[in-house]
Amino acid sequence: MSAAAANLWPHQRDKLELRYCELVARTIRRRPGLLVADVGGGKSLRYATYIPSGTRIIAVDLSEAELSENHQVAETRIADVTRHLPFDDGEVDLLTSSSVLEHLHDVRGFLDEAARVVKPGGAMIHLLPSRYASFAILNRALPERLKRRLLFSLFPDTEGFCGFPAHYDRCYYTAIVRECEQRGFRLASVSVGYYGSSDYYSVFFPVFLLSLIWEMFAWALRLRDLGAQLVVEAHRLPDSASSHGRVAARLD
C-alpha cells in the first residue's frame, strides 16, 4: 500500500542520489585528470559506475576497517575530516561526499578544511539529508541503541551501511548556503528533495500517509529548510574574489 501510494505523489520522483552521481560524473568528464577526494569514502564509492575508469580518487575516512574494503579508489587515507583533510593547500580539484556531513559534529570545521584544500576554480559536491526532515528529528531524539534496533529489525539490509550517530550540524538549506559562501565558495546549484522521510514509515501505512502529506506541504510551499535531502554544488572562488556568491537553487 505504501509503495502504491508513493507513486501517486509528484515530489517523490526527484531522485537526488542520481542527480548527485550525474553532477560528479559531469564534472569529472569535463576536466579529465582531476584529483578527486571522496570524504567518508567508507566501503564503496556511490558514483563508481558513472565515471571513466582510471579517474584518480582518494577516499578519506575515519575508519580504517571501512576503507580496507573499498577497492574502487586509487588510494585511501585515514583522517578526522572536521580537524584535518590530508591534502596540501589547493591540492584537490573536486571534493565529494555522500551522506557524510550529517555525521560530522563540526561542519564548520570541515568546510574550513575544504576551503583550504580545494584549489581556486575547483569544486565540491555533497549529498546530505536535511536536519528538519522528520526522520532526522527522530534520529536525534531516539536513544542510539533503540534507534539501531528498530532500524535493523525493520530494514535488515541497512545493517553495516546505516545507523551511525548523526548530528545534522548545519545540515539544512539556509545554513549550508551561508557557511559555504562565507568560506569563499560560489553556489552553482542547490537541489532540494522533499521525499525522503516517508520510506522510513512504509511498514505502517497511516504514518506513511501522514508523512507524505507533510512532505507535499513543504514541497508545494518551497520550504527549503524542511526538505528531506540536499545536493550542494559549490565552486571555489579565487582568493581575491568576494566570498559572497549567488545561489541557483533547483527546486523542481
C-alpha atoms as a PDB file:
ATOM      1  CA  MET A   1       0.000   0.000   0.000  1.00  0.00           C
ATOM      2  CA  SER A   2       2.807   2.390   0.838  1.00  0.00           C
ATOM      3  CA  ALA A   3       4.637   1.694  -2.412  1.00  0.00           C
ATOM      4  CA  ALA A   4       1.453   2.170  -4.444  1.00  0.00           C
ATOM      5  CA  ALA A   5       0.623   5.430  -2.666  1.00  0.00           C
ATOM      6  CA  ALA A   6       4.130   6.836  -3.110  1.00  0.00           C
ATOM      7  CA  ASN A   7       3.904   6.535  -6.893  1.00  0.00           C
ATOM      8  CA  LEU A   8       0.961   8.937  -6.945  1.00  0.00           C
ATOM      9  CA  TRP A   9       2.871  11.838  -5.382  1.00  0.00           C
ATOM     10  CA  PRO A  10       4.943  14.077  -7.709  1.00  0.00           C
ATOM     11  CA  HIS A  11       7.562  15.100  -5.161  1.00  0.00           C
ATOM     12  CA  GLN A  12       8.948  11.553  -4.863  1.00  0.00           C
ATOM     13  CA  ARG A  13      10.154  11.488  -8.479  1.00  0.00           C
ATOM     14  CA  ASP A  14      13.164  13.712  -7.836  1.00  0.00           C
ATOM     15  CA  LYS A  15      15.974  11.237  -7.118  1.00  0.00           C
ATOM     16  CA  LEU A  16      18.778  13.274  -5.610  1.00  0.00           C
ATOM     17  CA  GLU A  17      21.109  10.266  -5.326  1.00  0.00           C
ATOM     18  CA  LEU A  18      21.062  10.023  -9.119  1.00  0.00           C
ATOM     19  CA  ARG A  19      21.455  13.787  -9.526  1.00  0.00           C
ATOM     20  CA  TYR A  20      24.493  13.715  -7.235  1.00  0.00           C
ATOM     21  CA  CYS A  21      26.159  10.954  -9.264  1.00  0.00           C
ATOM     22  CA  GLU A  22      25.430  12.739 -12.537  1.00  0.00           C
ATOM     23  CA  LEU A  23      26.859  16.037 -11.253  1.00  0.00           C
ATOM     24  CA  VAL A  24      30.066  14.346 -10.126  1.00  0.00           C
ATOM     25  CA  ALA A  25      30.381  12.436 -13.388  1.00  0.00           C
ATOM     26  CA  ARG A  26      29.767  15.578 -15.467  1.00  0.00           C
ATOM     27  CA  THR A  27      32.460  17.487 -13.577  1.00  0.00           C
ATOM     28  CA  ILE A  28      34.992  14.673 -13.995  1.00  0.00           C
ATOM     29  CA  ARG A  29      34.287  14.154 -17.706  1.00  0.00           C
ATOM     30  CA  ARG A  30      34.518  17.874 -18.364  1.00  0.00           C
ATOM     31  CA  ARG A  31      38.042  18.063 -16.952  1.00  0.00           C
ATOM     32  CA  PRO A  32      39.999  14.802 -17.298  1.00  0.00           C
ATOM     33  CA  GLY A  33      42.912  14.255 -14.929  1.00  0.00           C
ATOM     34  CA  LEU A  34      41.277  15.756 -11.836  1.00  0.00           C
ATOM     35  CA  LEU A  35      42.348  14.792  -8.340  1.00  0.00           C
ATOM     36  CA  VAL A  36      39.099  13.758  -6.642  1.00  0.00           C
ATOM     37  CA  ALA A  37      38.831  13.414  -2.857  1.00  0.00           C
ATOM     38  CA  ASP A  38      35.827  11.454  -1.591  1.00  0.00           C
ATOM     39  CA  VAL A  39      35.174  12.234   2.068  1.00  0.00           C
ATOM     40  CA  GLY A  40      33.671   9.456   4.164  1.00  0.00           C
ATOM     41  CA  GLY A  41      34.692   7.052   1.408  1.00  0.00           C
ATOM     42  CA  GLY A  42      33.902   4.014   3.523  1.00  0.00           C
ATOM     43  CA  LYS A  43      33.396   0.655   1.844  1.00  0.00           C
ATOM     44  CA  SER A  44      32.330   1.847  -1.584  1.00  0.00           C
ATOM     45  CA  LEU A  45      32.056   4.774  -3.953  1.00  0.00           C
ATOM     46  CA  ARG A  46      28.473   5.788  -4.758  1.00  0.00           C
ATOM     47  CA  TYR A  47      29.309   7.164  -8.214  1.00  0.00           C
ATOM     48  CA  ALA A  48      31.824   4.493  -9.265  1.00  0.00           C
ATOM     49  CA  THR A  49      29.761   3.251 -12.237  1.00  0.00           C
ATOM     50  CA  TYR A  50      29.177   6.788 -13.546  1.00  0.00           C
ATOM     51  CA  ILE A  51      32.750   7.937 -14.068  1.00  0.00           C
ATOM     52  CA  PRO A  52      35.512   6.965 -16.526  1.00  0.00           C
ATOM     53  CA  SER A  53      37.860   4.196 -15.432  1.00  0.00           C
ATOM     54  CA  GLY A  54      41.256   5.408 -14.323  1.00  0.00           C
ATOM     55  CA  THR A  55      39.951   8.504 -12.552  1.00  0.00           C
ATOM     56  CA  ARG A  56      42.256   9.226  -9.616  1.00  0.00           C
ATOM     57  CA  ILE A  57      40.120   9.177  -6.482  1.00  0.00           C
ATOM     58  CA  ILE A  58      41.386   9.276  -2.913  1.00  0.00           C
ATOM     59  CA  ALA A  59      38.921   8.114  -0.263  1.00  0.00           C
ATOM     60  CA  VAL A  60      39.200   9.696   3.184  1.00  0.00           C
ATOM     61  CA  ASP A  61      37.518   8.205   6.241  1.00  0.00           C
ATOM     62  CA  LEU A  62      37.929   7.939   9.986  1.00  0.00           C
ATOM     63  CA  SER A  63      37.530   4.137   9.872  1.00  0.00           C
ATOM     64  CA  GLU A  64      40.467   2.084   8.671  1.00  0.00           C
ATOM     65  CA  ALA A  65      38.253  -1.030   8.649  1.00  0.00           C
ATOM     66  CA  GLU A  66      35.738   0.608   6.309  1.00  0.00           C
ATOM     67  CA  LEU A  67      38.421   1.860   3.937  1.00  0.00           C
ATOM     68  CA  SER A  68      40.084  -1.552   3.773  1.00  0.00           C
ATOM     69  CA  GLU A  69      37.020  -2.848   1.887  1.00  0.00           C
ATOM     70  CA  ASN A  70      36.975  -0.026  -0.665  1.00  0.00           C
ATOM     71  CA  HIS A  71      38.594  -1.277  -3.888  1.00  0.00           C
ATOM     72  CA  GLN A  72      37.046   1.338  -6.164  1.00  0.00           C
ATOM     73  CA  VAL A  73      39.554   4.103  -5.437  1.00  0.00           C
ATOM     74  CA  ALA A  74      43.217   4.670  -6.192  1.00  0.00           C
ATOM     75  CA  GLU A  75      44.210   5.437  -2.598  1.00  0.00           C
ATOM     76  CA  THR A  76      42.786   5.660   0.918  1.00  0.00           C
ATOM     77  CA  ARG A  77      43.719   7.999   3.772  1.00  0.00           C
ATOM     78  CA  ILE A  78      42.579   7.999   7.390  1.00  0.00           C
ATOM     79  CA  ALA A  79      41.624  11.324   8.975  1.00  0.00           C
ATOM     80  CA  ASP A  80      39.145  13.163  11.180  1.00  0.00           C
ATOM     81  CA  VAL A  81      37.872  15.460   8.432  1.00  0.00           C
ATOM     82  CA  THR A  82      36.496  18.080  10.837  1.00  0.00           C
ATOM     83  CA  ARG A  83      40.052  18.715  12.026  1.00  0.00           C
ATOM     84  CA  HIS A  84      42.225  17.970   9.013  1.00  0.00           C
ATOM     85  CA  LEU A  85      41.849  16.878   5.424  1.00  0.00           C
ATOM     86  CA  PRO A  86      45.074  15.059   4.464  1.00  0.00           C
ATOM     87  CA  PHE A  87      45.920  17.199   1.442  1.00  0.00           C
ATOM     88  CA  ASP A  88      48.136  20.190   0.740  1.00  0.00           C
ATOM     89  CA  ASP A  89      46.691  23.669   0.344  1.00  0.00           C
ATOM     90  CA  GLY A  90      44.900  23.953  -3.002  1.00  0.00           C
ATOM     91  CA  GLU A  91      45.685  20.357  -3.988  1.00  0.00           C
ATOM     92  CA  VAL A  92      42.171  18.985  -4.624  1.00  0.00           C
ATOM     93  CA  ASP A  93      40.229  19.598  -7.843  1.00  0.00           C
ATOM     94  CA  LEU A  94      36.952  18.037  -6.707  1.00  0.00           C
ATOM     95  CA  LEU A  95      35.800  17.206  -3.178  1.00  0.00           C
ATOM     96  CA  THR A  96      32.781  14.907  -2.812  1.00  0.00           C
ATOM     97  CA  SER A  97      30.718  13.324  -0.051  1.00  0.00           C
ATOM     98  CA  SER A  98      27.544  11.269   0.119  1.00  0.00           C
ATOM     99  CA  SER A  99      25.502  11.025   3.351  1.00  0.00           C
ATOM    100  CA  VAL A 100      28.510  12.108   5.394  1.00  0.00           C
ATOM    101  CA  LEU A 101      28.045  15.704   6.562  1.00  0.00           C
ATOM    102  CA  GLU A 102      25.179  14.789   8.887  1.00  0.00           C
ATOM    103  CA  HIS A 103      27.569  12.562  10.860  1.00  0.00           C
ATOM    104  CA  LEU A 104      30.081  15.357  11.472  1.00  0.00           C
ATOM    105  CA  HIS A 105      29.851  17.151  14.811  1.00  0.00           C
ATOM    106  CA  ASP A 106      31.531  20.247  13.343  1.00  0.00           C
ATOM    107  CA  VAL A 107      30.565  21.006   9.745  1.00  0.00           C
ATOM    108  CA  ARG A 108      32.147  24.453  10.018  1.00  0.00           C
ATOM    109  CA  GLY A 109      35.490  22.835  10.780  1.00  0.00           C
ATOM    110  CA  PHE A 110      35.090  20.559   7.776  1.00  0.00           C
ATOM    111  CA  LEU A 111      34.231  23.481   5.477  1.00  0.00           C
ATOM    112  CA  ASP A 112      37.259  25.402   6.774  1.00  0.00           C
ATOM    113  CA  GLU A 113      39.389  22.471   5.669  1.00  0.00           C
ATOM    114  CA  ALA A 114      37.517  22.196   2.355  1.00  0.00           C
ATOM    115  CA  ALA A 115      38.271  25.855   1.644  1.00  0.00           C
ATOM    116  CA  ARG A 116      41.931  25.166   2.342  1.00  0.00           C
ATOM    117  CA  VAL A 117      42.421  22.071   0.157  1.00  0.00           C
ATOM    118  CA  VAL A 118      40.119  22.815  -2.829  1.00  0.00           C
ATOM    119  CA  LYS A 119      42.060  24.834  -5.374  1.00  0.00           C
ATOM    120  CA  PRO A 120      40.668  28.116  -6.750  1.00  0.00           C
ATOM    121  CA  GLY A 121      38.400  27.126  -9.617  1.00  0.00           C
ATOM    122  CA  GLY A 122      37.886  23.690  -8.066  1.00  0.00           C
ATOM    123  CA  ALA A 123      34.579  22.371  -6.790  1.00  0.00           C
ATOM    124  CA  MET A 124      32.862  20.357  -4.121  1.00  0.00           C
ATOM    125  CA  ILE A 125      29.639  18.337  -4.414  1.00  0.00           C
ATOM    126  CA  HIS A 126      27.790  16.956  -1.385  1.00  0.00           C
ATOM    127  CA  LEU A 127      24.689  14.823  -0.939  1.00  0.00           C
ATOM    128  CA  LEU A 128      23.191  15.097   2.546  1.00  0.00           C
ATOM    129  CA  PRO A 129      19.916  14.677   4.444  1.00  0.00           C
ATOM    130  CA  SER A 130      18.281  17.745   5.944  1.00  0.00           C
ATOM    131  CA  ARG A 131      18.210  18.448   9.671  1.00  0.00           C
ATOM    132  CA  TYR A 132      14.475  19.233   9.771  1.00  0.00           C
ATOM    133  CA  ALA A 133      13.168  16.202   7.894  1.00  0.00           C
ATOM    134  CA  SER A 134      11.033  14.119  10.264  1.00  0.00           C
ATOM    135  CA  PHE A 135      13.370  11.112  10.108  1.00  0.00           C
ATOM    136  CA  ALA A 136      16.297  13.370  11.073  1.00  0.00           C
ATOM    137  CA  ILE A 137      14.369  14.742  14.047  1.00  0.00           C
ATOM    138  CA  LEU A 138      13.562  11.189  15.189  1.00  0.00           C
ATOM    139  CA  ASN A 139      17.160  10.179  14.609  1.00  0.00           C
ATOM    140  CA  ARG A 140      18.332  12.812  17.073  1.00  0.00           C
ATOM    141  CA  ALA A 141      15.553  12.181  19.591  1.00  0.00           C
ATOM    142  CA  LEU A 142      15.766   8.383  19.933  1.00  0.00           C
ATOM    143  CA  PRO A 143      18.482   6.684  22.032  1.00  0.00           C
ATOM    144  CA  GLU A 144      21.183   5.149  19.839  1.00  0.00           C
ATOM    145  CA  ARG A 145      20.589   1.557  20.946  1.00  0.00           C
ATOM    146  CA  LEU A 146      16.827   1.736  20.411  1.00  0.00           C
ATOM    147  CA  LYS A 147      17.226   3.510  17.081  1.00  0.00           C
ATOM    148  CA  ARG A 148      19.620   0.886  15.725  1.00  0.00           C
ATOM    149  CA  ARG A 149      17.446  -1.991  16.930  1.00  0.00           C
ATOM    150  CA  LEU A 150      14.359  -0.568  15.232  1.00  0.00           C
ATOM    151  CA  LEU A 151      16.210   0.262  12.013  1.00  0.00           C
ATOM    152  CA  PHE A 152      17.886  -3.114  11.595  1.00  0.00           C
ATOM    153  CA  SER A 153      14.796  -5.106  12.534  1.00  0.00           C
ATOM    154  CA  LEU A 154      12.535  -3.230  10.096  1.00  0.00           C
ATOM    155  CA  PHE A 155      15.165  -2.803   7.355  1.00  0.00           C
ATOM    156  CA  PRO A 156      17.756  -5.617   7.751  1.00  0.00           C
ATOM    157  CA  ASP A 157      19.603  -4.684   4.549  1.00  0.00           C
ATOM    158  CA  THR A 158      20.707  -1.366   6.101  1.00  0.00           C
ATOM    159  CA  GLU A 159      22.950  -3.008   8.715  1.00  0.00           C
ATOM    160  CA  GLY A 160      26.562  -2.021   8.153  1.00  0.00           C
ATOM    161  CA  PHE A 161      25.549   0.959   5.983  1.00  0.00           C
ATOM    162  CA  CYS A 162      23.162   2.978   8.172  1.00  0.00           C
ATOM    163  CA  GLY A 163      22.542   3.629  11.845  1.00  0.00           C
ATOM    164  CA  PHE A 164      25.695   5.587  12.611  1.00  0.00           C
ATOM    165  CA  PRO A 165      25.429   8.500  15.089  1.00  0.00           C
ATOM    166  CA  ALA A 166      24.252  11.674  13.344  1.00  0.00           C
ATOM    167  CA  HIS A 167      24.372  15.321  14.425  1.00  0.00           C
ATOM    168  CA  TYR A 168      22.971  17.179  11.386  1.00  0.00           C
ATOM    169  CA  ASP A 169      25.116  20.188  12.239  1.00  0.00           C
ATOM    170  CA  ARG A 170      24.335  22.981   9.693  1.00  0.00           C
ATOM    171  CA  CYS A 171      22.619  20.364   7.514  1.00  0.00           C
ATOM    172  CA  TYR A 172      19.778  22.437   6.138  1.00  0.00           C
ATOM    173  CA  TYR A 173      19.448  24.761   3.169  1.00  0.00           C
ATOM    174  CA  THR A 174      19.850  28.166   4.843  1.00  0.00           C
ATOM    175  CA  ALA A 175      22.823  27.160   6.966  1.00  0.00           C
ATOM    176  CA  ILE A 176      24.794  25.198   4.387  1.00  0.00           C
ATOM    177  CA  VAL A 177      24.451  28.001   1.810  1.00  0.00           C
ATOM    178  CA  ARG A 178      25.596  30.611   4.323  1.00  0.00           C
ATOM    179  CA  GLU A 179      28.556  28.561   5.566  1.00  0.00           C
ATOM    180  CA  CYS A 180      29.786  27.787   2.044  1.00  0.00           C
ATOM    181  CA  GLU A 181      29.580  31.405   0.908  1.00  0.00           C
ATOM    182  CA  GLN A 182      31.406  32.637   3.993  1.00  0.00           C
ATOM    183  CA  ARG A 183      34.345  30.418   3.041  1.00  0.00           C
ATOM    184  CA  GLY A 184      34.769  31.658  -0.496  1.00  0.00           C
ATOM    185  CA  PHE A 185      32.577  29.190  -2.389  1.00  0.00           C
ATOM    186  CA  ARG A 186      30.090  30.185  -5.076  1.00  0.00           C
ATOM    187  CA  LEU A 187      26.987  28.001  -5.004  1.00  0.00           C
ATOM    188  CA  ALA A 188      26.453  26.743  -8.549  1.00  0.00           C
ATOM    189  CA  SER A 189      23.330  24.790  -7.596  1.00  0.00           C
ATOM    190  CA  VAL A 190      21.484  23.562  -4.538  1.00  0.00           C
ATOM    191  CA  SER A 191      18.933  20.853  -5.278  1.00  0.00           C
ATOM    192  CA  VAL A 192      16.283  20.295  -2.608  1.00  0.00           C
ATOM    193  CA  GLY A 193      14.435  16.960  -2.455  1.00  0.00           C
ATOM    194  CA  TYR A 194      11.308  16.698  -0.337  1.00  0.00           C
ATOM    195  CA  TYR A 195      10.676  12.947  -0.497  1.00  0.00           C
ATOM    196  CA  GLY A 196      12.832  11.003   1.945  1.00  0.00           C
ATOM    197  CA  SER A 197      11.177  10.656   5.329  1.00  0.00           C
ATOM    198  CA  SER A 198       8.246   8.558   4.167  1.00  0.00           C
ATOM    199  CA  ASP A 199      10.299   5.499   3.228  1.00  0.00           C
ATOM    200  CA  TYR A 200      11.151   5.016   6.879  1.00  0.00           C
ATOM    201  CA  TYR A 201       7.446   4.699   7.720  1.00  0.00           C
ATOM    202  CA  SER A 202       6.459   2.428   4.850  1.00  0.00           C
ATOM    203  CA  VAL A 203       5.887  -0.515   7.206  1.00  0.00           C
ATOM    204  CA  PHE A 204       2.951   1.358   8.827  1.00  0.00           C
ATOM    205  CA  PHE A 205       0.691   2.891   6.198  1.00  0.00           C
ATOM    206  CA  PRO A 206      -1.188   5.505   8.310  1.00  0.00           C
ATOM    207  CA  VAL A 207       2.059   7.157   9.447  1.00  0.00           C
ATOM    208  CA  PHE A 208       3.484   6.787   5.942  1.00  0.00           C
ATOM    209  CA  LEU A 209       0.487   8.658   4.527  1.00  0.00           C
ATOM    210  CA  LEU A 210       0.778  11.462   7.092  1.00  0.00           C
ATOM    211  CA  SER A 211       4.452  11.809   6.209  1.00  0.00           C
ATOM    212  CA  LEU A 212       3.615  12.059   2.507  1.00  0.00           C
ATOM    213  CA  ILE A 213       1.109  14.803   3.200  1.00  0.00           C
ATOM    214  CA  TRP A 214       3.651  16.761   5.245  1.00  0.00           C
ATOM    215  CA  GLU A 215       6.289  16.382   2.522  1.00  0.00           C
ATOM    216  CA  MET A 216       3.817  17.572  -0.114  1.00  0.00           C
ATOM    217  CA  PHE A 217       3.017  20.602   2.036  1.00  0.00           C
ATOM    218  CA  ALA A 218       6.715  21.535   2.297  1.00  0.00           C
ATOM    219  CA  TRP A 219       7.240  20.863  -1.439  1.00  0.00           C
ATOM    220  CA  ALA A 220       4.234  22.937  -2.527  1.00  0.00           C
ATOM    221  CA  LEU A 221       5.298  25.943  -0.435  1.00  0.00           C
ATOM    222  CA  ARG A 222       9.001  25.525  -1.289  1.00  0.00           C
ATOM    223  CA  LEU A 223      10.008  25.407   2.378  1.00  0.00           C
ATOM    224  CA  ARG A 224      13.606  24.591   1.581  1.00  0.00           C
ATOM    225  CA  ASP A 225      14.761  24.129   5.178  1.00  0.00           C
ATOM    226  CA  LEU A 226      12.097  21.407   5.572  1.00  0.00           C
ATOM    227  CA  GLY A 227      13.317  19.371   2.621  1.00  0.00           C
ATOM    228  CA  ALA A 228      14.484  15.804   3.130  1.00  0.00           C
ATOM    229  CA  GLN A 229      17.724  15.920   1.128  1.00  0.00           C
ATOM    230  CA  LEU A 230      20.126  18.370  -0.463  1.00  0.00           C
ATOM    231  CA  VAL A 231      22.675  18.194  -3.242  1.00  0.00           C
ATOM    232  CA  VAL A 232      25.125  21.081  -2.947  1.00  0.00           C
ATOM    233  CA  GLU A 233      27.458  22.018  -5.815  1.00  0.00           C
ATOM    234  CA  ALA A 234      29.909  24.799  -4.939  1.00  0.00           C
ATOM    235  CA  HIS A 235      32.889  26.245  -6.799  1.00  0.00           C
ATOM    236  CA  ARG A 236      35.927  27.708  -5.062  1.00  0.00           C
ATOM    237  CA  LEU A 237      36.430  31.358  -5.904  1.00  0.00           C
ATOM    238  CA  PRO A 238      39.889  32.852  -6.447  1.00  0.00           C
ATOM    239  CA  ASP A 239      41.311  34.142  -3.174  1.00  0.00           C
ATOM    240  CA  SER A 240      40.958  37.748  -4.317  1.00  0.00           C
ATOM    241  CA  ALA A 241      37.269  37.385  -5.208  1.00  0.00           C
ATOM    242  CA  SER A 242      34.331  38.145  -2.978  1.00  0.00           C
ATOM    243  CA  SER A 243      33.240  35.261  -0.779  1.00  0.00           C
ATOM    244  CA  HIS A 244      29.585  36.063  -1.407  1.00  0.00           C
ATOM    245  CA  GLY A 245      28.284  34.209  -4.451  1.00  0.00           C
ATOM    246  CA  ARG A 246      24.822  33.886  -5.856  1.00  0.00           C
ATOM    247  CA  VAL A 247      22.890  30.679  -5.310  1.00  0.00           C
ATOM    248  CA  ALA A 248      20.988  28.974  -8.082  1.00  0.00           C
ATOM    249  CA  ALA A 249      18.617  26.741  -6.115  1.00  0.00           C
ATOM    250  CA  ARG A 250      16.925  23.951  -8.004  1.00  0.00           C
ATOM    251  CA  LEU A 251      13.531  23.310  -6.502  1.00  0.00           C
ATOM    252  CA  ASP A 252      11.826  21.348  -9.231  1.00  0.00           C
END
